[in-house]
Amino acid sequence: MPSPERSPLPALVGVTAVWGVTFVQVQDALELYPLFAFLAVRFAISTAVLAPFAWRPLRRLSREGLLAGVAVGTLLAAAYGLQTAGLERTTVASTGFITGLYVVVAPLLALALFGTRAPAAVWVGVACAVVGLVLLNGVPGGSAAGNALVLGAAIVTGVQIVLLERFAPRHDVTALTFLQMGTALVGFAALAVATGQVEFPRGWTVWAALVVTGVFAGALGFLVATWVQARTTAARAALVFTLEAPFAAVFGVLIAGEVLGWTGWLGCAVMMTGIVLAEPAAAEALRRLVPRAR
């Protein structure tokens, strides 16, 4: 295990902060532009940004690496699709809580498939994450069908995290990230065509969200996430990924003026406490980030 000073996890904390802040932008953009069209253009931007840096590593990538990138990209697109389909049938709170259950799914799958055991401290962090998700999002309600679809998204996300733990150390990170973005682009472009959501994005609100999610949350965010997952375990990565939820809640308050009740704030605190207890290096990154967000 890497020492806290050299751990890659602080970089992943930064990525989750970027993902969290984009929630507000995406929410505003989706009021003006169809969902699958938005996702298709977003991943098109990500693919285009990575293309100049990926084409040489792609030429050297083995057949196994090519299949790995496409497989992980397919899982990424499937997770987005299942989550979206579930959100249309259940509540936002249920979607937020159930999606975060990948923090439990990933270490269990890693143990079942590859025999990778998570340390006790990580399981403490996982327990804190689940409790924090309940406090932040509430006990799941909504429809059983919608919740099942979102649970499917959580399971698929868990599988993706576990597979990246295996594939990322073996293959070029830039090539793998490019294949993930490109595969997601193809999937969402097909869905946009199938659902009649083919239209050109217009307006500053939509384009700002597309550029930020395409360049920073997409190309750079997934590139860093893939690089980190080549250097840590699925359980640790999944635990840090859950910080996206409290970051989204906090930035919703700071930027969009949303109201977060005391249970929501307590949920954020419990989740971040779990990170502090389980991952000292990630905790140091949190201490640097949180004061800036106030």
C-alpha atoms as a PDB file:
ATOM      1  CA  MET A   1       0.000   0.000   0.000  1.00  0.00           C
ATOM      2  CA  PRO A   2       1.375   3.424  -0.886  1.00  0.00           C
ATOM      3  CA  SER A   3       2.287   5.785   1.898  1.00  0.00           C
ATOM      4  CA  PRO A   4      -0.153   8.633   2.608  1.00  0.00           C
ATOM      5  CA  GLU A   5       2.397  11.149   1.257  1.00  0.00           C
ATOM      6  CA  ARG A   6       2.503   9.441  -2.119  1.00  0.00           C
ATOM      7  CA  SER A   7      -1.070   8.269  -2.318  1.00  0.00           C
ATOM      8  CA  PRO A   8      -2.916   9.182  -5.550  1.00  0.00           C
ATOM      9  CA  LEU A   9      -6.220   9.592  -3.700  1.00  0.00           C
ATOM     10  CA  PRO A  10      -5.976  13.393  -3.191  1.00  0.00           C
ATOM     11  CA  ALA A  11      -6.203  13.751  -6.986  1.00  0.00           C
ATOM     12  CA  LEU A  12      -9.434  11.746  -6.897  1.00  0.00           C
ATOM     13  CA  VAL A  13     -10.845  14.044  -4.203  1.00  0.00           C
ATOM     14  CA  GLY A  14     -10.254  16.943  -6.586  1.00  0.00           C
ATOM     15  CA  VAL A  15     -12.075  15.104  -9.370  1.00  0.00           C
ATOM     16  CA  THR A  16     -15.120  14.465  -7.159  1.00  0.00           C
ATOM     17  CA  ALA A  17     -15.183  18.167  -6.265  1.00  0.00           C
ATOM     18  CA  VAL A  18     -15.279  19.048  -9.977  1.00  0.00           C
ATOM     19  CA  TRP A  19     -18.031  16.474 -10.568  1.00  0.00           C
ATOM     20  CA  GLY A  20     -19.979  17.874  -7.630  1.00  0.00           C
ATOM     21  CA  VAL A  21     -19.844  21.486  -8.817  1.00  0.00           C
ATOM     22  CA  THR A  22     -21.071  20.516 -12.296  1.00  0.00           C
ATOM     23  CA  PHE A  23     -24.374  19.216 -10.896  1.00  0.00           C
ATOM     24  CA  VAL A  24     -25.739  22.766 -10.748  1.00  0.00           C
ATOM     25  CA  GLN A  25     -24.681  23.571 -14.317  1.00  0.00           C
ATOM     26  CA  VAL A  26     -26.037  20.318 -15.710  1.00  0.00           C
ATOM     27  CA  GLN A  27     -29.334  20.764 -13.903  1.00  0.00           C
ATOM     28  CA  ASP A  28     -29.791  24.200 -15.485  1.00  0.00           C
ATOM     29  CA  ALA A  29     -28.720  22.982 -18.939  1.00  0.00           C
ATOM     30  CA  LEU A  30     -31.113  20.023 -18.933  1.00  0.00           C
ATOM     31  CA  GLU A  31     -34.038  22.389 -18.533  1.00  0.00           C
ATOM     32  CA  LEU A  32     -33.143  23.743 -21.985  1.00  0.00           C
ATOM     33  CA  TYR A  33     -31.619  20.782 -23.820  1.00  0.00           C
ATOM     34  CA  PRO A  34     -32.574  17.065 -24.060  1.00  0.00           C
ATOM     35  CA  LEU A  35     -30.715  14.637 -21.816  1.00  0.00           C
ATOM     36  CA  PHE A  36     -29.343  12.101 -24.303  1.00  0.00           C
ATOM     37  CA  ALA A  37     -28.361  14.836 -26.734  1.00  0.00           C
ATOM     38  CA  PHE A  38     -26.526  16.556 -23.877  1.00  0.00           C
ATOM     39  CA  LEU A  39     -24.675  13.361 -22.942  1.00  0.00           C
ATOM     40  CA  ALA A  40     -23.790  12.632 -26.574  1.00  0.00           C
ATOM     41  CA  VAL A  41     -22.305  16.112 -27.110  1.00  0.00           C
ATOM     42  CA  ARG A  42     -20.590  16.028 -23.719  1.00  0.00           C
ATOM     43  CA  PHE A  43     -18.788  12.782 -24.498  1.00  0.00           C
ATOM     44  CA  ALA A  44     -18.069  13.983 -28.047  1.00  0.00           C
ATOM     45  CA  ILE A  45     -16.190  16.937 -26.531  1.00  0.00           C
ATOM     46  CA  SER A  46     -14.346  14.620 -24.138  1.00  0.00           C
ATOM     47  CA  THR A  47     -13.371  12.317 -26.998  1.00  0.00           C
ATOM     48  CA  ALA A  48     -12.181  15.230 -29.151  1.00  0.00           C
ATOM     49  CA  VAL A  49     -10.095  16.686 -26.312  1.00  0.00           C
ATOM     50  CA  LEU A  50      -8.334  13.364 -25.687  1.00  0.00           C
ATOM     51  CA  ALA A  51      -7.886  12.383 -29.346  1.00  0.00           C
ATOM     52  CA  PRO A  52      -4.609  14.281 -30.047  1.00  0.00           C
ATOM     53  CA  PHE A  53      -2.987  12.659 -27.002  1.00  0.00           C
ATOM     54  CA  ALA A  54      -4.476   9.198 -27.412  1.00  0.00           C
ATOM     55  CA  TRP A  55      -3.851   8.260 -31.025  1.00  0.00           C
ATOM     56  CA  ARG A  56      -0.227   7.174 -30.527  1.00  0.00           C
ATOM     57  CA  PRO A  57      -0.930   5.104 -27.366  1.00  0.00           C
ATOM     58  CA  LEU A  58      -3.905   3.593 -29.203  1.00  0.00           C
ATOM     59  CA  ARG A  59      -1.634   2.373 -32.011  1.00  0.00           C
ATOM     60  CA  ARG A  60       0.468   0.523 -29.440  1.00  0.00           C
ATOM     61  CA  LEU A  61      -2.482  -0.789 -27.439  1.00  0.00           C
ATOM     62  CA  SER A  62      -2.931  -4.555 -27.446  1.00  0.00           C
ATOM     63  CA  ARG A  63      -6.163  -6.255 -28.456  1.00  0.00           C
ATOM     64  CA  GLU A  64      -6.786  -6.975 -24.783  1.00  0.00           C
ATOM     65  CA  GLY A  65      -6.392  -3.284 -23.967  1.00  0.00           C
ATOM     66  CA  LEU A  66      -8.737  -2.283 -26.772  1.00  0.00           C
ATOM     67  CA  LEU A  67     -11.409  -4.694 -25.551  1.00  0.00           C
ATOM     68  CA  ALA A  68     -10.878  -3.540 -21.960  1.00  0.00           C
ATOM     69  CA  GLY A  69     -11.407   0.125 -22.865  1.00  0.00           C
ATOM     70  CA  VAL A  70     -14.553  -0.619 -24.856  1.00  0.00           C
ATOM     71  CA  ALA A  71     -15.909  -2.867 -22.101  1.00  0.00           C
ATOM     72  CA  VAL A  72     -15.353  -0.289 -19.359  1.00  0.00           C
ATOM     73  CA  GLY A  73     -16.790   2.445 -21.603  1.00  0.00           C
ATOM     74  CA  THR A  74     -19.877   0.327 -22.230  1.00  0.00           C
ATOM     75  CA  LEU A  75     -20.332  -0.083 -18.484  1.00  0.00           C
ATOM     76  CA  LEU A  76     -19.939   3.675 -18.018  1.00  0.00           C
ATOM     77  CA  ALA A  77     -22.648   4.402 -20.593  1.00  0.00           C
ATOM     78  CA  ALA A  78     -24.903   1.679 -19.170  1.00  0.00           C
ATOM     79  CA  ALA A  79     -24.608   3.138 -15.674  1.00  0.00           C
ATOM     80  CA  TYR A  80     -25.586   6.606 -16.919  1.00  0.00           C
ATOM     81  CA  GLY A  81     -28.482   5.134 -18.925  1.00  0.00           C
ATOM     82  CA  LEU A  82     -29.859   2.990 -16.084  1.00  0.00           C
ATOM     83  CA  GLN A  83     -29.580   5.841 -13.617  1.00  0.00           C
ATOM     84  CA  THR A  84     -31.427   8.189 -15.971  1.00  0.00           C
ATOM     85  CA  ALA A  85     -34.167   5.653 -16.694  1.00  0.00           C
ATOM     86  CA  GLY A  86     -34.573   5.050 -12.972  1.00  0.00           C
ATOM     87  CA  LEU A  87     -34.671   8.757 -12.152  1.00  0.00           C
ATOM     88  CA  GLU A  88     -37.636   9.150 -14.503  1.00  0.00           C
ATOM     89  CA  ARG A  89     -39.549   6.560 -12.441  1.00  0.00           C
ATOM     90  CA  THR A  90     -38.495   7.274  -8.860  1.00  0.00           C
ATOM     91  CA  THR A  91     -37.490  10.177  -6.622  1.00  0.00           C
ATOM     92  CA  VAL A  92     -34.307  12.232  -6.778  1.00  0.00           C
ATOM     93  CA  ALA A  93     -33.555  11.323  -3.150  1.00  0.00           C
ATOM     94  CA  SER A  94     -33.851   7.607  -3.865  1.00  0.00           C
ATOM     95  CA  THR A  95     -31.659   7.966  -6.932  1.00  0.00           C
ATOM     96  CA  GLY A  96     -28.974   9.749  -4.931  1.00  0.00           C
ATOM     97  CA  PHE A  97     -28.936   7.160  -2.164  1.00  0.00           C
ATOM     98  CA  ILE A  98     -29.139   4.005  -4.273  1.00  0.00           C
ATOM     99  CA  THR A  99     -26.539   5.195  -6.788  1.00  0.00           C
ATOM    100  CA  GLY A 100     -24.077   5.671  -3.940  1.00  0.00           C
ATOM    101  CA  LEU A 101     -24.392   2.014  -2.958  1.00  0.00           C
ATOM    102  CA  TYR A 102     -21.589   1.229  -5.406  1.00  0.00           C
ATOM    103  CA  VAL A 103     -19.403   2.005  -2.389  1.00  0.00           C
ATOM    104  CA  VAL A 104     -20.601  -1.333  -0.985  1.00  0.00           C
ATOM    105  CA  VAL A 105     -20.836  -3.172  -4.311  1.00  0.00           C
ATOM    106  CA  ALA A 106     -17.255  -2.459  -5.463  1.00  0.00           C
ATOM    107  CA  PRO A 107     -15.335  -4.014  -2.536  1.00  0.00           C
ATOM    108  CA  LEU A 108     -17.691  -7.010  -2.439  1.00  0.00           C
ATOM    109  CA  LEU A 109     -17.214  -7.620  -6.162  1.00  0.00           C
ATOM    110  CA  ALA A 110     -13.455  -7.171  -5.855  1.00  0.00           C
ATOM    111  CA  LEU A 111     -13.428  -9.815  -3.133  1.00  0.00           C
ATOM    112  CA  ALA A 112     -15.738 -12.212  -4.999  1.00  0.00           C
ATOM    113  CA  LEU A 113     -14.083 -11.896  -8.421  1.00  0.00           C
ATOM    114  CA  PHE A 114     -10.430 -11.343  -7.614  1.00  0.00           C
ATOM    115  CA  GLY A 115     -10.001 -12.101  -3.913  1.00  0.00           C
ATOM    116  CA  THR A 116      -9.022  -8.483  -3.117  1.00  0.00           C
ATOM    117  CA  ARG A 117      -9.728  -7.798   0.559  1.00  0.00           C
ATOM    118  CA  ALA A 118     -10.448  -4.303   1.842  1.00  0.00           C
ATOM    119  CA  PRO A 119      -8.830  -3.294   5.166  1.00  0.00           C
ATOM    120  CA  ALA A 120     -11.068  -2.791   8.191  1.00  0.00           C
ATOM    121  CA  ALA A 121     -10.537   0.975   8.051  1.00  0.00           C
ATOM    122  CA  VAL A 122     -12.000   1.061   4.539  1.00  0.00           C
ATOM    123  CA  TRP A 123     -15.100  -0.811   5.691  1.00  0.00           C
ATOM    124  CA  VAL A 124     -15.517   1.789   8.453  1.00  0.00           C
ATOM    125  CA  GLY A 125     -15.435   4.435   5.738  1.00  0.00           C
ATOM    126  CA  VAL A 126     -17.954   2.459   3.664  1.00  0.00           C
ATOM    127  CA  ALA A 127     -20.341   2.253   6.636  1.00  0.00           C
ATOM    128  CA  CYS A 128     -20.020   6.010   7.207  1.00  0.00           C
ATOM    129  CA  ALA A 129     -20.696   6.610   3.507  1.00  0.00           C
ATOM    130  CA  VAL A 130     -23.920   4.581   3.586  1.00  0.00           C
ATOM    131  CA  VAL A 131     -25.136   6.319   6.761  1.00  0.00           C
ATOM    132  CA  GLY A 132     -24.220   9.686   5.256  1.00  0.00           C
ATOM    133  CA  LEU A 133     -26.110   8.899   2.057  1.00  0.00           C
ATOM    134  CA  VAL A 134     -29.234   8.060   4.095  1.00  0.00           C
ATOM    135  CA  LEU A 135     -28.984  11.351   5.992  1.00  0.00           C
ATOM    136  CA  LEU A 136     -28.238  13.355   2.840  1.00  0.00           C
ATOM    137  CA  ASN A 137     -30.864  11.791   0.558  1.00  0.00           C
ATOM    138  CA  GLY A 138     -33.361  10.182   2.931  1.00  0.00           C
ATOM    139  CA  VAL A 139     -34.638   6.610   3.108  1.00  0.00           C
ATOM    140  CA  PRO A 140     -35.441   5.324  -0.400  1.00  0.00           C
ATOM    141  CA  GLY A 141     -39.016   5.802  -1.576  1.00  0.00           C
ATOM    142  CA  GLY A 142     -40.474   6.062  -5.057  1.00  0.00           C
ATOM    143  CA  SER A 143     -41.358   3.168  -7.331  1.00  0.00           C
ATOM    144  CA  ALA A 144     -39.889  -0.307  -7.049  1.00  0.00           C
ATOM    145  CA  ALA A 145     -39.189  -0.399 -10.802  1.00  0.00           C
ATOM    146  CA  GLY A 146     -37.332   2.909 -10.742  1.00  0.00           C
ATOM    147  CA  ASN A 147     -35.332   1.923  -7.681  1.00  0.00           C
ATOM    148  CA  ALA A 148     -34.419  -1.383  -9.341  1.00  0.00           C
ATOM    149  CA  LEU A 149     -33.063   0.449 -12.389  1.00  0.00           C
ATOM    150  CA  VAL A 150     -30.976   2.754 -10.209  1.00  0.00           C
ATOM    151  CA  LEU A 151     -29.711  -0.235  -8.230  1.00  0.00           C
ATOM    152  CA  GLY A 152     -28.688  -1.718 -11.568  1.00  0.00           C
ATOM    153  CA  ALA A 153     -26.716   1.467 -12.235  1.00  0.00           C
ATOM    154  CA  ALA A 154     -24.974   1.138  -8.857  1.00  0.00           C
ATOM    155  CA  ILE A 155     -24.046  -2.482  -9.585  1.00  0.00           C
ATOM    156  CA  VAL A 156     -22.768  -1.617 -13.072  1.00  0.00           C
ATOM    157  CA  THR A 157     -20.717   1.237 -11.614  1.00  0.00           C
ATOM    158  CA  GLY A 158     -19.271  -1.154  -9.053  1.00  0.00           C
ATOM    159  CA  VAL A 159     -18.280  -3.563 -11.831  1.00  0.00           C
ATOM    160  CA  GLN A 160     -16.668  -0.722 -13.791  1.00  0.00           C
ATOM    161  CA  ILE A 161     -14.605   0.375 -10.783  1.00  0.00           C
ATOM    162  CA  VAL A 162     -13.444  -3.190 -10.128  1.00  0.00           C
ATOM    163  CA  LEU A 163     -12.509  -3.819 -13.761  1.00  0.00           C
ATOM    164  CA  LEU A 164     -10.543  -0.574 -13.948  1.00  0.00           C
ATOM    165  CA  GLU A 165      -8.576  -1.731 -10.916  1.00  0.00           C
ATOM    166  CA  ARG A 166      -7.517  -4.737 -13.016  1.00  0.00           C
ATOM    167  CA  PHE A 167      -7.080  -3.103 -16.423  1.00  0.00           C
ATOM    168  CA  ALA A 168      -5.710   0.375 -15.665  1.00  0.00           C
ATOM    169  CA  PRO A 169      -2.302  -0.826 -14.379  1.00  0.00           C
ATOM    170  CA  ARG A 170      -1.820  -3.007 -17.489  1.00  0.00           C
ATOM    171  CA  HIS A 171      -2.594  -0.528 -20.257  1.00  0.00           C
ATOM    172  CA  ASP A 172      -1.986   3.087 -21.221  1.00  0.00           C
ATOM    173  CA  VAL A 173      -4.235   5.348 -19.151  1.00  0.00           C
ATOM    174  CA  THR A 174      -4.812   7.909 -21.916  1.00  0.00           C
ATOM    175  CA  ALA A 175      -5.822   5.227 -24.413  1.00  0.00           C
ATOM    176  CA  LEU A 176      -8.177   3.582 -21.913  1.00  0.00           C
ATOM    177  CA  THR A 177      -9.811   6.908 -21.060  1.00  0.00           C
ATOM    178  CA  PHE A 178     -10.221   7.795 -24.736  1.00  0.00           C
ATOM    179  CA  LEU A 179     -11.895   4.440 -25.404  1.00  0.00           C
ATOM    180  CA  GLN A 180     -14.247   4.967 -22.453  1.00  0.00           C
ATOM    181  CA  MET A 181     -15.273   8.403 -23.722  1.00  0.00           C
ATOM    182  CA  GLY A 182     -15.600   7.233 -27.329  1.00  0.00           C
ATOM    183  CA  THR A 183     -17.698   4.200 -26.419  1.00  0.00           C
ATOM    184  CA  ALA A 184     -19.995   6.327 -24.265  1.00  0.00           C
ATOM    185  CA  LEU A 185     -20.288   8.810 -27.157  1.00  0.00           C
ATOM    186  CA  VAL A 186     -21.426   6.065 -29.547  1.00  0.00           C
ATOM    187  CA  GLY A 187     -23.939   4.736 -27.041  1.00  0.00           C
ATOM    188  CA  PHE A 188     -25.508   8.092 -26.208  1.00  0.00           C
ATOM    189  CA  ALA A 189     -25.534   9.235 -29.828  1.00  0.00           C
ATOM    190  CA  ALA A 190     -27.517   6.102 -30.668  1.00  0.00           C
ATOM    191  CA  LEU A 191     -29.916   6.779 -27.789  1.00  0.00           C
ATOM    192  CA  ALA A 192     -30.339  10.408 -28.874  1.00  0.00           C
ATOM    193  CA  VAL A 193     -31.250   9.294 -32.389  1.00  0.00           C
ATOM    194  CA  ALA A 194     -33.575   6.555 -31.121  1.00  0.00           C
ATOM    195  CA  THR A 195     -35.445   8.935 -28.804  1.00  0.00           C
ATOM    196  CA  GLY A 196     -35.644  11.793 -31.301  1.00  0.00           C
ATOM    197  CA  GLN A 197     -33.368  14.074 -29.282  1.00  0.00           C
ATOM    198  CA  VAL A 198     -31.173  15.174 -32.162  1.00  0.00           C
ATOM    199  CA  GLU A 199     -30.790  18.940 -32.027  1.00  0.00           C
ATOM    200  CA  PHE A 200     -27.947  21.446 -31.970  1.00  0.00           C
ATOM    201  CA  PRO A 201     -27.133  22.942 -28.547  1.00  0.00           C
ATOM    202  CA  ARG A 202     -27.838  26.657 -28.237  1.00  0.00           C
ATOM    203  CA  GLY A 203     -27.287  29.305 -25.609  1.00  0.00           C
ATOM    204  CA  TRP A 204     -24.587  30.116 -23.050  1.00  0.00           C
ATOM    205  CA  THR A 205     -26.126  28.004 -20.285  1.00  0.00           C
ATOM    206  CA  VAL A 206     -26.079  24.820 -22.360  1.00  0.00           C
ATOM    207  CA  TRP A 207     -22.683  25.381 -23.948  1.00  0.00           C
ATOM    208  CA  ALA A 208     -21.024  26.330 -20.660  1.00  0.00           C
ATOM    209  CA  ALA A 209     -22.277  23.104 -19.087  1.00  0.00           C
ATOM    210  CA  LEU A 210     -21.168  21.077 -22.120  1.00  0.00           C
ATOM    211  CA  VAL A 211     -17.665  22.547 -22.130  1.00  0.00           C
ATOM    212  CA  VAL A 212     -17.147  22.181 -18.383  1.00  0.00           C
ATOM    213  CA  THR A 213     -18.471  18.610 -18.264  1.00  0.00           C
ATOM    214  CA  GLY A 214     -16.836  17.650 -21.550  1.00  0.00           C
ATOM    215  CA  VAL A 215     -13.378  19.048 -20.849  1.00  0.00           C
ATOM    216  CA  PHE A 216     -12.936  19.182 -17.064  1.00  0.00           C
ATOM    217  CA  ALA A 217     -15.392  16.652 -15.613  1.00  0.00           C
ATOM    218  CA  GLY A 218     -15.127  14.372 -18.635  1.00  0.00           C
ATOM    219  CA  ALA A 219     -11.770  14.256 -20.416  1.00  0.00           C
ATOM    220  CA  LEU A 220      -9.585  15.457 -17.535  1.00  0.00           C
ATOM    221  CA  GLY A 221     -11.755  14.048 -14.747  1.00  0.00           C
ATOM    222  CA  PHE A 222     -11.928  10.514 -16.129  1.00  0.00           C
ATOM    223  CA  LEU A 223      -8.271  10.651 -17.161  1.00  0.00           C
ATOM    224  CA  VAL A 224      -7.246  11.431 -13.577  1.00  0.00           C
ATOM    225  CA  ALA A 225      -9.725   8.870 -12.198  1.00  0.00           C
ATOM    226  CA  THR A 226      -8.322   6.148 -14.472  1.00  0.00           C
ATOM    227  CA  TRP A 227      -4.752   7.115 -13.531  1.00  0.00           C
ATOM    228  CA  VAL A 228      -5.646   6.905  -9.819  1.00  0.00           C
ATOM    229  CA  GLN A 229      -7.379   3.545 -10.249  1.00  0.00           C
ATOM    230  CA  ALA A 230      -4.173   2.177 -11.757  1.00  0.00           C
ATOM    231  CA  ARG A 231      -2.539   2.937  -8.398  1.00  0.00           C
ATOM    232  CA  THR A 232      -5.138   2.046  -5.766  1.00  0.00           C
ATOM    233  CA  THR A 233      -7.807  -0.549  -5.003  1.00  0.00           C
ATOM    234  CA  ALA A 234     -11.429  -0.585  -6.140  1.00  0.00           C
ATOM    235  CA  ALA A 235     -12.649  -0.277  -2.535  1.00  0.00           C
ATOM    236  CA  ARG A 236     -10.593   2.849  -1.873  1.00  0.00           C
ATOM    237  CA  ALA A 237     -11.546   4.442  -5.186  1.00  0.00           C
ATOM    238  CA  ALA A 238     -15.259   3.751  -4.624  1.00  0.00           C
ATOM    239  CA  LEU A 239     -15.069   5.272  -1.145  1.00  0.00           C
ATOM    240  CA  VAL A 240     -13.541   8.521  -2.424  1.00  0.00           C
ATOM    241  CA  PHE A 241     -15.989   8.614  -5.364  1.00  0.00           C
ATOM    242  CA  THR A 242     -18.870   8.954  -2.869  1.00  0.00           C
ATOM    243  CA  LEU A 243     -17.596  12.458  -2.021  1.00  0.00           C
ATOM    244  CA  GLU A 244     -19.329  13.577  -5.207  1.00  0.00           C
ATOM    245  CA  ALA A 245     -22.638  13.560  -3.295  1.00  0.00           C
ATOM    246  CA  PRO A 246     -21.662  15.919  -0.432  1.00  0.00           C
ATOM    247  CA  PHE A 247     -19.726  18.154  -2.817  1.00  0.00           C
ATOM    248  CA  ALA A 248     -22.831  18.409  -5.027  1.00  0.00           C
ATOM    249  CA  ALA A 249     -24.956  19.268  -1.990  1.00  0.00           C
ATOM    250  CA  VAL A 250     -22.533  21.914  -0.714  1.00  0.00           C
ATOM    251  CA  PHE A 251     -22.087  23.565  -4.107  1.00  0.00           C
ATOM    252  CA  GLY A 252     -25.860  23.488  -4.575  1.00  0.00           C
ATOM    253  CA  VAL A 253     -26.129  25.634  -1.451  1.00  0.00           C
ATOM    254  CA  LEU A 254     -23.245  27.948  -2.355  1.00  0.00           C
ATOM    255  CA  ILE A 255     -23.995  28.454  -6.047  1.00  0.00           C
ATOM    256  CA  ALA A 256     -27.702  27.764  -6.544  1.00  0.00           C
ATOM    257  CA  GLY A 257     -28.986  28.910  -3.166  1.00  0.00           C
ATOM    258  CA  GLU A 258     -30.489  25.505  -2.377  1.00  0.00           C
ATOM    259  CA  VAL A 259     -31.475  24.747   1.201  1.00  0.00           C
ATOM    260  CA  LEU A 260     -29.827  21.810   2.959  1.00  0.00           C
ATOM    261  CA  GLY A 261     -31.475  20.814   6.248  1.00  0.00           C
ATOM    262  CA  TRP A 262     -29.596  19.752   9.343  1.00  0.00           C
ATOM    263  CA  THR A 263     -29.845  16.077   8.370  1.00  0.00           C
ATOM    264  CA  GLY A 264     -28.242  16.880   5.028  1.00  0.00           C
ATOM    265  CA  TRP A 265     -25.354  18.730   6.643  1.00  0.00           C
ATOM    266  CA  LEU A 266     -24.966  15.877   9.130  1.00  0.00           C
ATOM    267  CA  GLY A 267     -24.886  13.423   6.228  1.00  0.00           C
ATOM    268  CA  CYS A 268     -22.086  15.390   4.548  1.00  0.00           C
ATOM    269  CA  ALA A 269     -20.165  15.478   7.820  1.00  0.00           C
ATOM    270  CA  VAL A 270     -20.566  11.727   8.393  1.00  0.00           C
ATOM    271  CA  MET A 271     -19.372  10.900   4.851  1.00  0.00           C
ATOM    272  CA  MET A 272     -16.325  13.151   5.162  1.00  0.00           C
ATOM    273  CA  THR A 273     -15.595  11.705   8.606  1.00  0.00           C
ATOM    274  CA  GLY A 274     -15.531   8.268   7.021  1.00  0.00           C
ATOM    275  CA  ILE A 275     -12.937   9.483   4.515  1.00  0.00           C
ATOM    276  CA  VAL A 276     -10.838  11.024   7.297  1.00  0.00           C
ATOM    277  CA  LEU A 277     -10.886   7.762   9.263  1.00  0.00           C
ATOM    278  CA  ALA A 278     -10.266   5.459   6.308  1.00  0.00           C
ATOM    279  CA  GLU A 279      -7.929   7.433   4.045  1.00  0.00           C
ATOM    280  CA  PRO A 280      -5.472   9.879   5.662  1.00  0.00           C
ATOM    281  CA  ALA A 281      -4.139  11.118   2.301  1.00  0.00           C
ATOM    282  CA  ALA A 282      -7.626  11.883   0.991  1.00  0.00           C
ATOM    283  CA  ALA A 283      -8.434  13.547   4.317  1.00  0.00           C
ATOM    284  CA  GLU A 284      -5.525  15.954   3.815  1.00  0.00           C
ATOM    285  CA  ALA A 285      -6.912  16.889   0.396  1.00  0.00           C
ATOM    286  CA  LEU A 286     -10.319  17.524   1.988  1.00  0.00           C
ATOM    287  CA  ARG A 287      -8.788  19.840   4.562  1.00  0.00           C
ATOM    288  CA  ARG A 288      -7.299  21.901   1.721  1.00  0.00           C
ATOM    289  CA  LEU A 289     -10.474  21.910  -0.381  1.00  0.00           C
ATOM    290  CA  VAL A 290     -13.236  22.527   2.155  1.00  0.00           C
ATOM    291  CA  PRO A 291     -12.048  25.940   3.395  1.00  0.00           C
ATOM    292  CA  ARG A 292     -11.976  27.153  -0.219  1.00  0.00           C
ATOM    293  CA  ALA A 293     -15.583  26.089  -0.701  1.00  0.00           C
ATOM    294  CA  ARG A 294     -16.858  28.171   2.191  1.00  0.00           C
END
